[in-house]
């Protein structure tokens, strides 16, 4: 079995310019890596991003709707998710991208001002 490392990310509350600091800690490394970043999205978009991540985590999505709630403006929500590049397909048959977590991670990584590279390794454990 492969023993994959765990990455824990801590975000500080953003300032008035929507800059924040973050601390990255690998399970195998006691020394945290710190960085600052300008959020690659507006603070008001965070609840929608969390909804998109939440919807995609279920095996029955998109067959069972989990992003759009009753009373929501479907067009507006899809437009906002699409503007964040987290939507695949058209408005009628599309859905939150299957790799939404990867896309979001790339957005955050691109926005981070890391002073040192992140390194980790994994080891295969015996069965």
Protein backbone atom coordinates (compact mmCIF):
# COMPACT_ATOMS: atom_id res chain seq x y z
CA UNK A 1 0.00 0.00 0.00
CA UNK A 2 1.26 3.50 -0.77
CA UNK A 3 1.48 5.81 2.22
CA UNK A 4 0.65 9.20 0.70
CA UNK A 5 1.58 12.32 2.65
CA UNK A 6 -1.08 14.65 3.99
CA UNK A 7 -0.98 18.34 3.17
CA UNK A 8 -2.73 20.62 5.65
CA UNK A 9 -3.41 24.20 4.55
CA UNK A 10 -4.18 27.00 7.00
CA UNK A 11 -5.48 30.33 5.69
CA UNK A 12 -5.44 33.51 7.76
CA UNK A 13 -8.37 35.89 7.35
CA UNK A 14 -7.78 38.13 4.32
CA UNK A 15 -7.03 41.81 4.69
CA UNK A 16 -8.94 44.65 3.00
CA UNK A 17 -7.02 44.05 -0.26
CA UNK A 18 -8.04 40.37 -0.19
CA UNK A 19 -4.48 39.23 0.48
CA UNK A 20 -4.00 36.41 2.91
CA UNK A 21 -1.21 34.35 4.31
CA UNK A 22 -1.20 30.62 4.35
CA UNK A 23 0.75 27.92 6.07
CA UNK A 24 1.36 24.54 4.45
CA UNK A 25 2.31 21.55 6.56
CA UNK A 26 3.18 18.12 5.20
CA UNK A 27 2.46 15.17 7.45
CA UNK A 28 6.07 14.05 7.27
CA UNK A 29 7.61 17.48 7.82
CA UNK A 30 7.44 19.47 11.04
CA UNK A 31 8.56 22.72 9.40
CA UNK A 32 5.66 24.64 7.87
CA UNK A 33 6.01 26.51 4.60
CA UNK A 34 4.47 29.97 4.74
CA UNK A 35 3.38 32.18 1.90
CA UNK A 36 1.16 35.09 1.06
CA UNK A 37 -1.25 35.33 -1.81
CA UNK A 38 -3.86 37.50 -3.40
CA UNK A 39 -6.97 35.42 -3.59
CA UNK A 40 -7.63 34.34 -7.20
CA UNK A 41 -11.36 34.91 -6.62
CA UNK A 42 -13.48 37.38 -4.68
CA UNK A 43 -14.34 36.65 -1.05
CA UNK A 44 -18.04 36.65 -1.90
CA UNK A 45 -17.41 33.72 -4.28
CA UNK A 46 -16.11 31.40 -1.56
CA UNK A 47 -19.56 30.01 -0.60
CA UNK A 48 -20.22 29.18 -4.26
CA UNK A 49 -16.81 27.53 -4.63
CA UNK A 50 -17.52 25.43 -1.54
CA UNK A 51 -20.91 24.45 -2.99
CA UNK A 52 -19.23 23.36 -6.22
CA UNK A 53 -16.65 21.29 -4.33
CA UNK A 54 -19.39 19.79 -2.17
CA UNK A 55 -21.59 18.88 -5.15
CA UNK A 56 -18.78 17.12 -6.98
CA UNK A 57 -17.74 14.96 -4.03
CA UNK A 58 -20.86 12.78 -4.38
CA UNK A 59 -20.84 9.77 -6.71
CA UNK A 60 -24.41 10.51 -7.82
CA UNK A 61 -23.63 14.04 -9.06
CA UNK A 62 -24.56 15.28 -11.65
CA UNK A 63 -27.36 12.71 -11.98
CA UNK A 64 -28.70 14.02 -8.67
CA UNK A 65 -28.56 17.81 -8.55
CA UNK A 66 -26.46 19.03 -5.65
CA UNK A 67 -25.23 22.46 -6.79
CA UNK A 68 -28.45 24.28 -7.60
CA UNK A 69 -30.92 24.64 -4.74
CA UNK A 70 -34.61 25.29 -4.99
CA UNK A 71 -35.19 29.00 -5.57
CA UNK A 72 -31.66 29.57 -6.96
CA UNK A 73 -31.12 31.41 -10.22
CA UNK A 74 -29.61 28.53 -12.20
CA UNK A 75 -28.31 30.77 -14.99
CA UNK A 76 -26.52 33.08 -12.57
CA UNK A 77 -24.93 30.23 -10.59
CA UNK A 78 -23.72 28.45 -13.72
CA UNK A 79 -22.35 31.74 -15.10
CA UNK A 80 -20.40 32.36 -11.91
CA UNK A 81 -19.05 28.80 -11.73
CA UNK A 82 -18.15 28.95 -15.44
CA UNK A 83 -16.37 32.31 -14.94
CA UNK A 84 -14.19 30.58 -12.33
CA UNK A 85 -13.43 27.84 -14.90
CA UNK A 86 -15.04 25.25 -12.64
CA UNK A 87 -17.86 24.25 -15.04
CA UNK A 88 -17.70 21.82 -17.97
CA UNK A 89 -20.25 21.58 -20.76
CA UNK A 90 -23.25 23.68 -21.61
CA UNK A 91 -25.83 25.15 -19.26
CA UNK A 92 -28.39 22.39 -19.74
CA UNK A 93 -26.29 19.21 -19.57
CA UNK A 94 -23.02 20.47 -18.07
CA UNK A 95 -21.84 20.15 -14.50
CA UNK A 96 -19.20 21.18 -12.04
CA UNK A 97 -15.91 19.96 -13.50
CA UNK A 98 -14.90 16.49 -12.35
CA UNK A 99 -11.45 17.90 -11.55
CA UNK A 100 -12.79 20.95 -9.69
CA UNK A 101 -10.41 20.24 -6.78
CA UNK A 102 -7.42 20.21 -9.14
CA UNK A 103 -8.48 23.42 -10.86
CA UNK A 104 -8.99 25.18 -7.55
CA UNK A 105 -5.64 23.92 -6.27
CA UNK A 106 -3.93 25.28 -9.38
CA UNK A 107 -5.60 28.66 -8.93
CA UNK A 108 -4.38 28.86 -5.34
CA UNK A 109 -0.90 27.60 -6.21
CA UNK A 110 -0.56 30.16 -9.00
CA UNK A 111 -1.59 32.92 -6.63
CA UNK A 112 0.82 31.84 -3.87
CA UNK A 113 4.11 33.63 -3.49
CA UNK A 114 6.16 30.67 -2.28
CA UNK A 115 9.72 31.48 -1.28
CA UNK A 116 10.77 27.83 -1.12
CA UNK A 117 9.64 24.84 -3.15
CA UNK A 118 7.27 22.32 -1.65
CA UNK A 119 8.72 18.87 -1.52
CA UNK A 120 7.36 15.63 -0.23
CA UNK A 121 7.82 11.98 -0.91
CA UNK A 122 5.82 8.87 -0.35
CA UNK A 123 6.88 5.44 0.70
CA UNK A 124 5.31 2.14 -0.08
CA UNK A 125 4.21 0.28 3.03
CA UNK A 126 4.30 -3.49 3.32
CA UNK A 127 1.02 -5.36 3.47
